[in-house]
PDB file of N, CA and C in Angstrom:
ATOM      1  N   MET A   1      -0.695 -41.776 -66.888  1.00  0.00           N
ATOM      2  CA  MET A   1       0.660 -42.146 -67.248  1.00  0.00           C
ATOM      3  C   MET A   1       1.073 -43.358 -66.418  1.00  0.00           C
ATOM      4  N   GLY A   2       1.597 -44.402 -67.045  1.00  0.00           N
ATOM      5  CA  GLY A   2       1.953 -45.636 -66.349  1.00  0.00           C
ATOM      6  C   GLY A   2       3.265 -45.526 -65.588  1.00  0.00           C
ATOM      7  N   GLU A   3       3.527 -46.537 -64.792  1.00  0.00           N
ATOM      8  CA  GLU A   3       4.753 -46.608 -64.002  1.00  0.00           C
ATOM      9  C   GLU A   3       5.956 -46.766 -64.932  1.00  0.00           C
ATOM     10  N   LYS A   4       6.980 -45.999 -64.738  1.00  0.00           N
ATOM     11  CA  LYS A   4       8.185 -46.097 -65.554  1.00  0.00           C
ATOM     12  C   LYS A   4       9.138 -47.114 -64.937  1.00  0.00           C
ATOM     13  N   GLN A   5       9.817 -47.829 -65.786  1.00  0.00           N
ATOM     14  CA  GLN A   5      10.779 -48.820 -65.332  1.00  0.00           C
ATOM     15  C   GLN A   5      12.075 -48.138 -64.900  1.00  0.00           C
ATOM     16  N   PRO A   6      12.653 -48.549 -63.773  1.00  0.00           N
ATOM     17  CA  PRO A   6      13.963 -48.010 -63.394  1.00  0.00           C
ATOM     18  C   PRO A   6      15.024 -48.505 -64.386  1.00  0.00           C
ATOM     19  N   PHE A   7      16.141 -47.822 -64.425  1.00  0.00           N
ATOM     20  CA  PHE A   7      17.216 -48.176 -65.351  1.00  0.00           C
ATOM     21  C   PHE A   7      18.560 -47.987 -64.660  1.00  0.00           C
ATOM     22  N   ARG A   8      19.598 -48.575 -65.248  1.00  0.00           N
ATOM     23  CA  ARG A   8      20.961 -48.389 -64.760  1.00  0.00           C
ATOM     24  C   ARG A   8      21.528 -47.118 -65.363  1.00  0.00           C
ATOM     25  N   LEU A   9      22.352 -46.418 -64.614  1.00  0.00           N
ATOM     26  CA  LEU A   9      23.042 -45.230 -65.092  1.00  0.00           C
ATOM     27  C   LEU A   9      24.528 -45.561 -65.105  1.00  0.00           C
ATOM     28  N   ILE A  10      25.149 -45.378 -66.264  1.00  0.00           N
ATOM     29  CA  ILE A  10      26.533 -45.816 -66.460  1.00  0.00           C
ATOM     30  C   ILE A  10      27.402 -44.642 -66.901  1.00  0.00           C
ATOM     31  N   ASN A  11      28.583 -44.546 -66.322  1.00  0.00           N
ATOM     32  CA  ASN A  11      29.590 -43.593 -66.778  1.00  0.00           C
ATOM     33  C   ASN A  11      30.334 -44.302 -67.911  1.00  0.00           C
ATOM     34  N   ALA A  12      29.960 -43.972 -69.169  1.00  0.00           N
ATOM     35  CA  ALA A  12      30.537 -44.640 -70.337  1.00  0.00           C
ATOM     36  C   ALA A  12      32.015 -44.302 -70.509  1.00  0.00           C
ATOM     37  N   THR A  13      32.433 -43.125 -70.092  1.00  0.00           N
ATOM     38  CA  THR A  13      33.830 -42.713 -70.223  1.00  0.00           C
ATOM     39  C   THR A  13      34.741 -43.609 -69.392  1.00  0.00           C
ATOM     40  N   ARG A  14      34.297 -43.970 -68.209  1.00  0.00           N
ATOM     41  CA  ARG A  14      35.136 -44.737 -67.281  1.00  0.00           C
ATOM     42  C   ARG A  14      34.676 -46.182 -67.102  1.00  0.00           C
ATOM     43  N   ASP A  15      33.633 -46.595 -67.871  1.00  0.00           N
ATOM     44  CA  ASP A  15      33.067 -47.941 -67.770  1.00  0.00           C
ATOM     45  C   ASP A  15      32.751 -48.272 -66.305  1.00  0.00           C
ATOM     46  N   LEU A  16      31.949 -47.388 -65.710  1.00  0.00           N
ATOM     47  CA  LEU A  16      31.620 -47.462 -64.285  1.00  0.00           C
ATOM     48  C   LEU A  16      30.112 -47.337 -64.108  1.00  0.00           C
ATOM     49  N   THR A  17      29.508 -48.229 -63.348  1.00  0.00           N
ATOM     50  CA  THR A  17      28.091 -48.096 -63.041  1.00  0.00           C
ATOM     51  C   THR A  17      27.930 -47.055 -61.949  1.00  0.00           C
ATOM     52  N   ILE A  18      27.161 -46.008 -62.254  1.00  0.00           N
ATOM     53  CA  ILE A  18      26.898 -44.948 -61.282  1.00  0.00           C
ATOM     54  C   ILE A  18      25.779 -45.376 -60.351  1.00  0.00           C
ATOM     55  N   ALA A  19      24.705 -45.946 -60.923  1.00  0.00           N
ATOM     56  CA  ALA A  19      23.553 -46.386 -60.127  1.00  0.00           C
ATOM     57  C   ALA A  19      22.927 -47.621 -60.772  1.00  0.00           C
ATOM     58  N   GLU A  20      22.693 -48.636 -59.956  1.00  0.00           N
ATOM     59  CA  GLU A  20      22.044 -49.866 -60.437  1.00  0.00           C
ATOM     60  C   GLU A  20      20.561 -49.654 -60.714  1.00  0.00           C
ATOM     61  N   ARG A  21      19.935 -48.757 -59.950  1.00  0.00           N
ATOM     62  CA  ARG A  21      18.500 -48.479 -60.121  1.00  0.00           C
ATOM     63  C   ARG A  21      18.280 -46.977 -60.072  1.00  0.00           C
ATOM     64  N   THR A  22      17.856 -46.443 -61.196  1.00  0.00           N
ATOM     65  CA  THR A  22      17.606 -45.008 -61.313  1.00  0.00           C
ATOM     66  C   THR A  22      16.142 -44.800 -61.663  1.00  0.00           C
ATOM     67  N   ARG A  23      15.468 -43.959 -60.890  1.00  0.00           N
ATOM     68  CA  ARG A  23      14.082 -43.577 -61.187  1.00  0.00           C
ATOM     69  C   ARG A  23      14.100 -42.289 -61.988  1.00  0.00           C
ATOM     70  N   LEU A  24      13.076 -42.118 -62.815  1.00  0.00           N
ATOM     71  CA  LEU A  24      12.947 -40.932 -63.644  1.00  0.00           C
ATOM     72  C   LEU A  24      11.870 -40.018 -63.083  1.00  0.00           C
ATOM     73  N   ALA A  25      12.207 -38.747 -62.901  1.00  0.00           N
ATOM     74  CA  ALA A  25      11.238 -37.719 -62.504  1.00  0.00           C
ATOM     75  C   ALA A  25      11.138 -36.768 -63.687  1.00  0.00           C
ATOM     76  N   ASP A  26      10.046 -36.912 -64.470  1.00  0.00           N
ATOM     77  CA  ASP A  26       9.959 -36.144 -65.710  1.00  0.00           C
ATOM     78  C   ASP A  26       8.618 -35.447 -65.914  1.00  0.00           C
ATOM     79  N   ASN A  27       7.899 -35.236 -64.816  1.00  0.00           N
ATOM     80  CA  ASN A  27       6.676 -34.443 -64.927  1.00  0.00           C
ATOM     81  C   ASN A  27       6.716 -33.383 -63.824  1.00  0.00           C
ATOM     82  N   PRO A  28       5.843 -32.387 -63.898  1.00  0.00           N
ATOM     83  CA  PRO A  28       5.933 -31.285 -62.924  1.00  0.00           C
ATOM     84  C   PRO A  28       5.915 -31.746 -61.463  1.00  0.00           C
ATOM     85  N   TRP A  29       5.082 -32.715 -61.111  1.00  0.00           N
ATOM     86  CA  TRP A  29       5.002 -33.136 -59.712  1.00  0.00           C
ATOM     87  C   TRP A  29       6.253 -33.885 -59.272  1.00  0.00           C
ATOM     88  N   THR A  30       6.674 -34.915 -60.032  1.00  0.00           N
ATOM     89  CA  THR A  30       7.837 -35.702 -59.602  1.00  0.00           C
ATOM     90  C   THR A  30       9.114 -34.863 -59.639  1.00  0.00           C
ATOM     91  N   SER A  31       9.192 -33.935 -60.603  1.00  0.00           N
ATOM     92  CA  SER A  31      10.363 -33.051 -60.662  1.00  0.00           C
ATOM     93  C   SER A  31      10.393 -32.096 -59.475  1.00  0.00           C
ATOM     94  N   PHE A  32       9.234 -31.545 -59.120  1.00  0.00           N
ATOM     95  CA  PHE A  32       9.159 -30.640 -57.969  1.00  0.00           C
ATOM     96  C   PHE A  32       9.493 -31.374 -56.685  1.00  0.00           C
ATOM     97  N   LYS A  33       8.912 -32.551 -56.483  1.00  0.00           N
ATOM     98  CA  LYS A  33       9.098 -33.300 -55.245  1.00  0.00           C
ATOM     99  C   LYS A  33      10.534 -33.798 -55.090  1.00  0.00           C
ATOM    100  N   GLY A  34      11.101 -34.328 -56.168  1.00  0.00           N
ATOM    101  CA  GLY A  34      12.469 -34.847 -56.074  1.00  0.00           C
ATOM    102  C   GLY A  34      12.617 -35.788 -54.894  1.00  0.00           C
ATOM    103  N   LEU A  35      13.575 -35.515 -54.023  1.00  0.00           N
ATOM    104  CA  LEU A  35      13.803 -36.335 -52.826  1.00  0.00           C
ATOM    105  C   LEU A  35      13.328 -35.647 -51.548  1.00  0.00           C
ATOM    106  N   MET A  36      12.573 -34.533 -51.696  1.00  0.00           N
ATOM    107  CA  MET A  36      12.092 -33.823 -50.502  1.00  0.00           C
ATOM    108  C   MET A  36      11.221 -34.738 -49.652  1.00  0.00           C
ATOM    109  N   GLY A  37      11.524 -34.799 -48.373  1.00  0.00           N
ATOM    110  CA  GLY A  37      10.733 -35.574 -47.433  1.00  0.00           C
ATOM    111  C   GLY A  37      10.919 -37.070 -47.539  1.00  0.00           C
ATOM    112  N   SER A  38      11.776 -37.523 -48.421  1.00  0.00           N
ATOM    113  CA  SER A  38      12.006 -38.954 -48.619  1.00  0.00           C
ATOM    114  C   SER A  38      13.109 -39.460 -47.695  1.00  0.00           C
ATOM    115  N   PRO A  39      13.105 -40.757 -47.417  1.00  0.00           N
ATOM    116  CA  PRO A  39      14.252 -41.325 -46.701  1.00  0.00           C
ATOM    117  C   PRO A  39      15.455 -41.349 -47.645  1.00  0.00           C
ATOM    118  N   PRO A  40      16.653 -41.489 -47.114  1.00  0.00           N
ATOM    119  CA  PRO A  40      17.834 -41.539 -47.985  1.00  0.00           C
ATOM    120  C   PRO A  40      17.707 -42.664 -49.018  1.00  0.00           C
ATOM    121  N   LEU A  41      18.226 -42.424 -50.193  1.00  0.00           N
ATOM    122  CA  LEU A  41      18.242 -43.469 -51.212  1.00  0.00           C
ATOM    123  C   LEU A  41      19.176 -44.591 -50.765  1.00  0.00           C
ATOM    124  N   PRO A  42      18.831 -45.827 -51.062  1.00  0.00           N
ATOM    125  CA  PRO A  42      19.780 -46.910 -50.773  1.00  0.00           C
ATOM    126  C   PRO A  42      21.031 -46.753 -51.639  1.00  0.00           C
ATOM    127  N   PRO A  43      22.155 -47.277 -51.210  1.00  0.00           N
ATOM    128  CA  PRO A  43      23.359 -47.229 -52.051  1.00  0.00           C
ATOM    129  C   PRO A  43      23.043 -47.844 -53.418  1.00  0.00           C
ATOM    130  N   GLY A  44      23.562 -47.218 -54.459  1.00  0.00           N
ATOM    131  CA  GLY A  44      23.347 -47.733 -55.802  1.00  0.00           C
ATOM    132  C   GLY A  44      22.053 -47.285 -56.449  1.00  0.00           C
ATOM    133  N   HIS A  45      21.295 -46.394 -55.793  1.00  0.00           N
ATOM    134  CA  HIS A  45      20.050 -45.864 -56.351  1.00  0.00           C
ATOM    135  C   HIS A  45      20.229 -44.381 -56.651  1.00  0.00           C
ATOM    136  N   ALA A  46      19.457 -43.880 -57.634  1.00  0.00           N
ATOM    137  CA  ALA A  46      19.540 -42.467 -58.010  1.00  0.00           C
ATOM    138  C   ALA A  46      18.186 -41.997 -58.526  1.00  0.00           C
ATOM    139  N   LEU A  47      18.049 -40.685 -58.624  1.00  0.00           N
ATOM    140  CA  LEU A  47      16.865 -40.054 -59.198  1.00  0.00           C
ATOM    141  C   LEU A  47      17.345 -39.108 -60.292  1.00  0.00           C
ATOM    142  N   LEU A  48      16.852 -39.310 -61.527  1.00  0.00           N
ATOM    143  CA  LEU A  48      17.183 -38.439 -62.643  1.00  0.00           C
ATOM    144  C   LEU A  48      16.007 -37.497 -62.852  1.00  0.00           C
ATOM    145  N   ILE A  49      16.256 -36.187 -62.745  1.00  0.00           N
ATOM    146  CA  ILE A  49      15.207 -35.175 -62.870  1.00  0.00           C
ATOM    147  C   ILE A  49      15.407 -34.422 -64.182  1.00  0.00           C
ATOM    148  N   THR A  50      14.367 -34.495 -65.033  1.00  0.00           N
ATOM    149  CA  THR A  50      14.432 -33.828 -66.335  1.00  0.00           C
ATOM    150  C   THR A  50      13.088 -33.214 -66.698  1.00  0.00           C
ATOM    151  N   PRO A  51      13.035 -32.043 -67.294  1.00  0.00           N
ATOM    152  CA  PRO A  51      14.178 -31.148 -67.453  1.00  0.00           C
ATOM    153  C   PRO A  51      14.487 -30.462 -66.134  1.00  0.00           C
ATOM    154  N   SER A  52      15.740 -30.189 -65.903  1.00  0.00           N
ATOM    155  CA  SER A  52      16.164 -29.484 -64.700  1.00  0.00           C
ATOM    156  C   SER A  52      17.590 -28.999 -64.907  1.00  0.00           C
ATOM    157  N   SER A  53      17.855 -27.778 -64.489  1.00  0.00           N
ATOM    158  CA  SER A  53      19.208 -27.249 -64.619  1.00  0.00           C
ATOM    159  C   SER A  53      19.855 -26.983 -63.265  1.00  0.00           C
ATOM    160  N   SER A  54      19.058 -27.052 -62.191  1.00  0.00           N
ATOM    161  CA  SER A  54      19.603 -26.823 -60.865  1.00  0.00           C
ATOM    162  C   SER A  54      18.651 -27.430 -59.837  1.00  0.00           C
ATOM    163  N   ILE A  55      19.121 -27.584 -58.623  1.00  0.00           N
ATOM    164  CA  ILE A  55      18.315 -28.216 -57.569  1.00  0.00           C
ATOM    165  C   ILE A  55      18.513 -27.469 -56.250  1.00  0.00           C
ATOM    166  N   HIS A  56      17.717 -27.865 -55.270  1.00  0.00           N
ATOM    167  CA  HIS A  56      17.919 -27.425 -53.888  1.00  0.00           C
ATOM    168  C   HIS A  56      17.692 -28.639 -52.996  1.00  0.00           C
ATOM    169  N   THR A  57      18.156 -28.541 -51.768  1.00  0.00           N
ATOM    170  CA  THR A  57      17.982 -29.654 -50.833  1.00  0.00           C
ATOM    171  C   THR A  57      17.098 -29.260 -49.650  1.00  0.00           C
ATOM    172  N   HIS A  58      16.195 -28.296 -49.874  1.00  0.00           N
ATOM    173  CA  HIS A  58      15.259 -27.912 -48.821  1.00  0.00           C
ATOM    174  C   HIS A  58      14.332 -29.088 -48.500  1.00  0.00           C
ATOM    175  N   PHE A  59      14.007 -29.247 -47.239  1.00  0.00           N
ATOM    176  CA  PHE A  59      13.126 -30.306 -46.748  1.00  0.00           C
ATOM    177  C   PHE A  59      13.722 -31.699 -46.938  1.00  0.00           C
ATOM    178  N   MET A  60      15.023 -31.774 -47.142  1.00  0.00           N
ATOM    179  CA  MET A  60      15.698 -33.068 -47.203  1.00  0.00           C
ATOM    180  C   MET A  60      16.424 -33.279 -45.888  1.00  0.00           C
ATOM    181  N   ARG A  61      16.640 -34.544 -45.548  1.00  0.00           N
ATOM    182  CA  ARG A  61      17.242 -34.866 -44.253  1.00  0.00           C
ATOM    183  C   ARG A  61      18.614 -35.505 -44.372  1.00  0.00           C
ATOM    184  N   PHE A  62      19.189 -35.488 -45.570  1.00  0.00           N
ATOM    185  CA  PHE A  62      20.463 -36.173 -45.798  1.00  0.00           C
ATOM    186  C   PHE A  62      21.213 -35.469 -46.920  1.00  0.00           C
ATOM    187  N   PRO A  63      22.550 -35.556 -46.933  1.00  0.00           N
ATOM    188  CA  PRO A  63      23.330 -34.955 -48.016  1.00  0.00           C
ATOM    189  C   PRO A  63      23.254 -35.814 -49.276  1.00  0.00           C
ATOM    190  N   ILE A  64      23.452 -35.170 -50.431  1.00  0.00           N
ATOM    191  CA  ILE A  64      23.415 -35.884 -51.706  1.00  0.00           C
ATOM    192  C   ILE A  64      24.574 -35.447 -52.594  1.00  0.00           C
ATOM    193  N   ASP A  65      24.880 -36.286 -53.583  1.00  0.00           N
ATOM    194  CA  ASP A  65      25.742 -35.913 -54.690  1.00  0.00           C
ATOM    195  C   ASP A  65      24.832 -35.599 -55.867  1.00  0.00           C
ATOM    196  N   VAL A  66      25.225 -34.638 -56.684  1.00  0.00           N
ATOM    197  CA  VAL A  66      24.418 -34.227 -57.838  1.00  0.00           C
ATOM    198  C   VAL A  66      25.302 -34.137 -59.074  1.00  0.00           C
ATOM    199  N   LEU A  67      24.836 -34.753 -60.171  1.00  0.00           N
ATOM    200  CA  LEU A  67      25.473 -34.605 -61.471  1.00  0.00           C
ATOM    201  C   LEU A  67      24.616 -33.665 -62.308  1.00  0.00           C
ATOM    202  N   TYR A  68      25.235 -32.720 -62.976  1.00  0.00           N
ATOM    203  CA  TYR A  68      24.548 -31.781 -63.870  1.00  0.00           C
ATOM    204  C   TYR A  68      24.963 -32.166 -65.291  1.00  0.00           C
ATOM    205  N   VAL A  69      23.984 -32.544 -66.126  1.00  0.00           N
ATOM    206  CA  VAL A  69      24.283 -33.182 -67.405  1.00  0.00           C
ATOM    207  C   VAL A  69      23.637 -32.413 -68.563  1.00  0.00           C
ATOM    208  N   ASN A  70      24.352 -32.280 -69.684  1.00  0.00           N
ATOM    209  CA  ASN A  70      23.839 -31.521 -70.827  1.00  0.00           C
ATOM    210  C   ASN A  70      23.093 -32.412 -71.831  1.00  0.00           C
ATOM    211  N   ASN A  71      22.682 -31.818 -72.956  1.00  0.00           N
ATOM    212  CA  ASN A  71      21.935 -32.538 -74.002  1.00  0.00           C
ATOM    213  C   ASN A  71      22.701 -33.707 -74.598  1.00  0.00           C
ATOM    214  N   ASN A  72      24.004 -33.664 -74.541  1.00  0.00           N
ATOM    215  CA  ASN A  72      24.838 -34.741 -75.094  1.00  0.00           C
ATOM    216  C   ASN A  72      25.198 -35.788 -74.046  1.00  0.00           C
ATOM    217  N   ASP A  73      24.540 -35.741 -72.889  1.00  0.00           N
ATOM    218  CA  ASP A  73      24.778 -36.681 -71.776  1.00  0.00           C
ATOM    219  C   ASP A  73      26.198 -36.581 -71.222  1.00  0.00           C
ATOM    220  N   VAL A  74      26.743 -35.381 -71.254  1.00  0.00           N
ATOM    221  CA  VAL A  74      28.075 -35.122 -70.705  1.00  0.00           C
ATOM    222  C   VAL A  74      27.925 -34.363 -69.385  1.00  0.00           C
ATOM    223  N   ILE A  75      28.640 -34.814 -68.369  1.00  0.00           N
ATOM    224  CA  ILE A  75      28.601 -34.167 -67.054  1.00  0.00           C
ATOM    225  C   ILE A  75      29.262 -32.798 -67.149  1.00  0.00           C
ATOM    226  N   MET A  76      28.503 -31.761 -66.798  1.00  0.00           N
ATOM    227  CA  MET A  76      29.017 -30.391 -66.850  1.00  0.00           C
ATOM    228  C   MET A  76      29.428 -29.880 -65.473  1.00  0.00           C
ATOM    229  N   GLY A  77      28.936 -30.519 -64.420  1.00  0.00           N
ATOM    230  CA  GLY A  77      29.275 -30.101 -63.068  1.00  0.00           C
ATOM    231  C   GLY A  77      28.869 -31.171 -62.076  1.00  0.00           C
ATOM    232  N   ILE A  78      29.468 -31.118 -60.902  1.00  0.00           N
ATOM    233  CA  ILE A  78      29.177 -32.088 -59.840  1.00  0.00           C
ATOM    234  C   ILE A  78      29.142 -31.349 -58.513  1.00  0.00           C
ATOM    235  N   ASP A  79      28.096 -31.584 -57.736  1.00  0.00           N
ATOM    236  CA  ASP A  79      28.074 -31.170 -56.333  1.00  0.00           C
ATOM    237  C   ASP A  79      28.266 -32.435 -55.512  1.00  0.00           C
ATOM    238  N   ARG A  80      29.241 -32.426 -54.648  1.00  0.00           N
ATOM    239  CA  ARG A  80      29.493 -33.584 -53.792  1.00  0.00           C
ATOM    240  C   ARG A  80      29.107 -33.230 -52.359  1.00  0.00           C
ATOM    241  N   ASP A  81      28.390 -34.161 -51.717  1.00  0.00           N
ATOM    242  CA  ASP A  81      28.026 -34.026 -50.310  1.00  0.00           C
ATOM    243  C   ASP A  81      27.277 -32.715 -50.046  1.00  0.00           C
ATOM    244  N   LEU A  82      26.290 -32.416 -50.908  1.00  0.00           N
ATOM    245  CA  LEU A  82      25.481 -31.208 -50.755  1.00  0.00           C
ATOM    246  C   LEU A  82      24.530 -31.411 -49.574  1.00  0.00           C
ATOM    247  N   LYS A  83      24.709 -30.615 -48.547  1.00  0.00           N
ATOM    248  CA  LYS A  83      23.955 -30.758 -47.295  1.00  0.00           C
ATOM    249  C   LYS A  83      22.506 -30.287 -47.448  1.00  0.00           C
ATOM    250  N   PRO A  84      21.618 -30.718 -46.540  1.00  0.00           N
ATOM    251  CA  PRO A  84      20.236 -30.217 -46.558  1.00  0.00           C
ATOM    252  C   PRO A  84      20.196 -28.695 -46.415  1.00  0.00           C
ATOM    253  N   TRP A  85      19.153 -28.114 -46.993  1.00  0.00           N
ATOM    254  CA  TRP A  85      18.871 -26.679 -46.942  1.00  0.00           C
ATOM    255  C   TRP A  85      19.908 -25.846 -47.703  1.00  0.00           C
ATOM    256  N   ARG A  86      20.395 -26.392 -48.817  1.00  0.00           N
ATOM    257  CA  ARG A  86      21.347 -25.683 -49.666  1.00  0.00           C
ATOM    258  C   ARG A  86      20.805 -25.613 -51.099  1.00  0.00           C
ATOM    259  N   PHE A  87      21.376 -24.721 -51.880  1.00  0.00           N
ATOM    260  CA  PHE A  87      21.091 -24.642 -53.312  1.00  0.00           C
ATOM    261  C   PHE A  87      22.259 -25.270 -54.060  1.00  0.00           C
ATOM    262  N   GLY A  88      21.941 -26.017 -55.121  1.00  0.00           N
ATOM    263  CA  GLY A  88      22.974 -26.560 -55.984  1.00  0.00           C
ATOM    264  C   GLY A  88      23.491 -25.480 -56.916  1.00  0.00           C
ATOM    265  N   HIS A  89      24.523 -25.806 -57.652  1.00  0.00           N
ATOM    266  CA  HIS A  89      25.095 -24.874 -58.624  1.00  0.00           C
ATOM    267  C   HIS A  89      24.179 -24.738 -59.831  1.00  0.00           C
ATOM    268  N   PHE A  90      24.406 -23.702 -60.604  1.00  0.00           N
ATOM    269  CA  PHE A  90      23.715 -23.528 -61.878  1.00  0.00           C
ATOM    270  C   PHE A  90      24.772 -23.539 -62.970  1.00  0.00           C
ATOM    271  N   TYR A  91      24.601 -24.429 -63.936  1.00  0.00           N
ATOM    272  CA  TYR A  91      25.513 -24.520 -65.066  1.00  0.00           C
ATOM    273  C   TYR A  91      24.705 -24.293 -66.335  1.00  0.00           C
ATOM    274  N   LYS A  92      25.117 -23.355 -67.156  1.00  0.00           N
ATOM    275  CA  LYS A  92      24.430 -23.065 -68.411  1.00  0.00           C
ATOM    276  C   LYS A  92      24.496 -24.298 -69.318  1.00  0.00           C
ATOM    277  N   GLY A  93      23.363 -24.635 -69.928  1.00  0.00           N
ATOM    278  CA  GLY A  93      23.317 -25.750 -70.866  1.00  0.00           C
ATOM    279  C   GLY A  93      22.962 -27.090 -70.254  1.00  0.00           C
ATOM    280  N   VAL A  94      22.665 -27.130 -68.964  1.00  0.00           N
ATOM    281  CA  VAL A  94      22.291 -28.393 -68.316  1.00  0.00           C
ATOM    282  C   VAL A  94      20.868 -28.767 -68.713  1.00  0.00           C
ATOM    283  N   LYS A  95      20.671 -30.043 -69.062  1.00  0.00           N
ATOM    284  CA  LYS A  95      19.356 -30.563 -69.454  1.00  0.00           C
ATOM    285  C   LYS A  95      18.692 -31.321 -68.301  1.00  0.00           C
ATOM    286  N   TYR A  96      19.498 -32.071 -67.542  1.00  0.00           N
ATOM    287  CA  TYR A  96      18.953 -32.845 -66.430  1.00  0.00           C
ATOM    288  C   TYR A  96      19.977 -32.999 -65.321  1.00  0.00           C
ATOM    289  N   VAL A  97      19.472 -33.367 -64.138  1.00  0.00           N
ATOM    290  CA  VAL A  97      20.341 -33.601 -62.989  1.00  0.00           C
ATOM    291  C   VAL A  97      20.102 -35.016 -62.467  1.00  0.00           C
ATOM    292  N   VAL A  98      21.113 -35.552 -61.832  1.00  0.00           N
ATOM    293  CA  VAL A  98      21.010 -36.866 -61.192  1.00  0.00           C
ATOM    294  C   VAL A  98      21.330 -36.678 -59.722  1.00  0.00           C
ATOM    295  N   GLU A  99      20.382 -37.052 -58.857  1.00  0.00           N
ATOM    296  CA  GLU A  99      20.582 -36.977 -57.407  1.00  0.00           C
ATOM    297  C   GLU A  99      20.829 -38.379 -56.875  1.00  0.00           C
ATOM    298  N   MET A 100      21.807 -38.491 -55.981  1.00  0.00           N
ATOM    299  CA  MET A 100      22.117 -39.784 -55.362  1.00  0.00           C
ATOM    300  C   MET A 100      22.688 -39.546 -53.971  1.00  0.00           C
ATOM    301  N   THR A 101      22.736 -40.587 -53.175  1.00  0.00           N
ATOM    302  CA  THR A 101      23.292 -40.485 -51.829  1.00  0.00           C
ATOM    303  C   THR A 101      24.723 -39.962 -51.909  1.00  0.00           C
ATOM    304  N   ALA A 102      25.115 -39.176 -50.921  1.00  0.00           N
ATOM    305  CA  ALA A 102      26.478 -38.635 -50.877  1.00  0.00           C
ATOM    306  C   ALA A 102      27.485 -39.770 -51.062  1.00  0.00           C
ATOM    307  N   GLY A 103      28.453 -39.537 -51.930  1.00  0.00           N
ATOM    308  CA  GLY A 103      29.457 -40.546 -52.260  1.00  0.00           C
ATOM    309  C   GLY A 103      29.123 -41.296 -53.543  1.00  0.00           C
ATOM    310  N   GLY A 104      27.889 -41.174 -54.014  1.00  0.00           N
ATOM    311  CA  GLY A 104      27.457 -41.906 -55.201  1.00  0.00           C
ATOM    312  C   GLY A 104      28.119 -41.449 -56.485  1.00  0.00           C
ATOM    313  N   ALA A 105      28.629 -40.224 -56.518  1.00  0.00           N
ATOM    314  CA  ALA A 105      29.280 -39.707 -57.727  1.00  0.00           C
ATOM    315  C   ALA A 105      30.777 -40.000 -57.742  1.00  0.00           C
ATOM    316  N   GLU A 106      31.227 -40.811 -56.799  1.00  0.00           N
ATOM    317  CA  GLU A 106      32.647 -41.152 -56.746  1.00  0.00           C
ATOM    318  C   GLU A 106      33.064 -41.784 -58.075  1.00  0.00           C
ATOM    319  N   GLY A 107      34.167 -41.337 -58.604  1.00  0.00           N
ATOM    320  CA  GLY A 107      34.656 -41.859 -59.878  1.00  0.00           C
ATOM    321  C   GLY A 107      34.178 -41.061 -61.073  1.00  0.00           C
ATOM    322  N   CYS A 108      33.246 -40.136 -60.877  1.00  0.00           N
ATOM    323  CA  CYS A 108      32.749 -39.299 -61.978  1.00  0.00           C
ATOM    324  C   CYS A 108      33.530 -37.994 -62.020  1.00  0.00           C
ATOM    325  N   ALA A 109      33.674 -37.449 -63.236  1.00  0.00           N
ATOM    326  CA  ALA A 109      34.375 -36.176 -63.409  1.00  0.00           C
ATOM    327  C   ALA A 109      33.666 -35.364 -64.483  1.00  0.00           C
ATOM    328  N   VAL A 110      33.832 -34.058 -64.409  1.00  0.00           N
ATOM    329  CA  VAL A 110      33.303 -33.171 -65.444  1.00  0.00           C
ATOM    330  C   VAL A 110      33.895 -33.613 -66.780  1.00  0.00           C
ATOM    331  N   GLY A 111      33.034 -33.704 -67.805  1.00  0.00           N
ATOM    332  CA  GLY A 111      33.457 -34.145 -69.130  1.00  0.00           C
ATOM    333  C   GLY A 111      33.153 -35.602 -69.414  1.00  0.00           C
ATOM    334  N   ASP A 112      32.836 -36.388 -68.375  1.00  0.00           N
ATOM    335  CA  ASP A 112      32.475 -37.790 -68.585  1.00  0.00           C
ATOM    336  C   ASP A 112      31.113 -37.883 -69.255  1.00  0.00           C
ATOM    337  N   LYS A 113      30.940 -38.891 -70.108  1.00  0.00           N
ATOM    338  CA  LYS A 113      29.667 -39.153 -70.772  1.00  0.00           C
ATOM    339  C   LYS A 113      28.931 -40.255 -70.028  1.00  0.00           C
ATOM    340  N   ILE A 114      27.624 -40.068 -69.826  1.00  0.00           N
ATOM    341  CA  ILE A 114      26.826 -41.085 -69.161  1.00  0.00           C
ATOM    342  C   ILE A 114      25.793 -41.665 -70.120  1.00  0.00           C
ATOM    343  N   THR A 115      25.396 -42.912 -69.863  1.00  0.00           N
ATOM    344  CA  THR A 115      24.394 -43.592 -70.661  1.00  0.00           C
ATOM    345  C   THR A 115      23.428 -44.324 -69.735  1.00  0.00           C
ATOM    346  N   ARG A 116      22.314 -44.773 -70.311  1.00  0.00           N
ATOM    347  CA  ARG A 116      21.323 -45.562 -69.570  1.00  0.00           C
ATOM    348  C   ARG A 116      21.290 -46.975 -70.132  1.00  0.00           C
ATOM    349  N   ALA A 117      20.988 -47.925 -69.264  1.00  0.00           N
ATOM    350  CA  ALA A 117      20.842 -49.321 -69.675  1.00  0.00           C
ATOM    351  C   ALA A 117      19.738 -49.954 -68.844  1.00  0.00           C
ATOM    352  N   PRO A 118      19.098 -51.004 -69.343  1.00  0.00           N
ATOM    353  CA  PRO A 118      18.060 -51.677 -68.562  1.00  0.00           C
ATOM    354  C   PRO A 118      18.637 -52.262 -67.267  1.00  0.00           C
ATOM    355  N   CYS A 119      17.811 -52.328 -66.230  1.00  0.00           N
ATOM    356  CA  CYS A 119      18.227 -52.995 -64.987  1.00  0.00           C
ATOM    357  C   CYS A 119      18.332 -54.493 -65.265  1.00  0.00           C
ATOM    358  N   PRO A 120      19.298 -55.146 -64.628  1.00  0.00           N
ATOM    359  CA  PRO A 120      19.430 -56.603 -64.826  1.00  0.00           C
ATOM    360  C   PRO A 120      18.255 -57.351 -64.241  1.00  0.00           C
TER     361      PRO A 120
END
């Protein structure tokens, strides 16, 4: 499987860029690994994990914000400033999650629709 191109993640409801560079974790290994053991993401970066309905922050060294998103790309829940060694929430109907540095979900709310766009 070849290298996937990063993409922008946009809050279409509020016309707000959530992340300038988002990586995709869509296979068993990248989904399992997530951000475990990684350095903190730079501001404006995110990791989209699919399929996934919940996360944990075990073996992480920094807090994160998490968006829980359904099949229609609508945010169903948000964890803000989730500390290391914690479990995220579980929301029925979630298709994927977006992990980003704490504070990265600022401006997002439950019910907002998100979209993807190519990186500039």
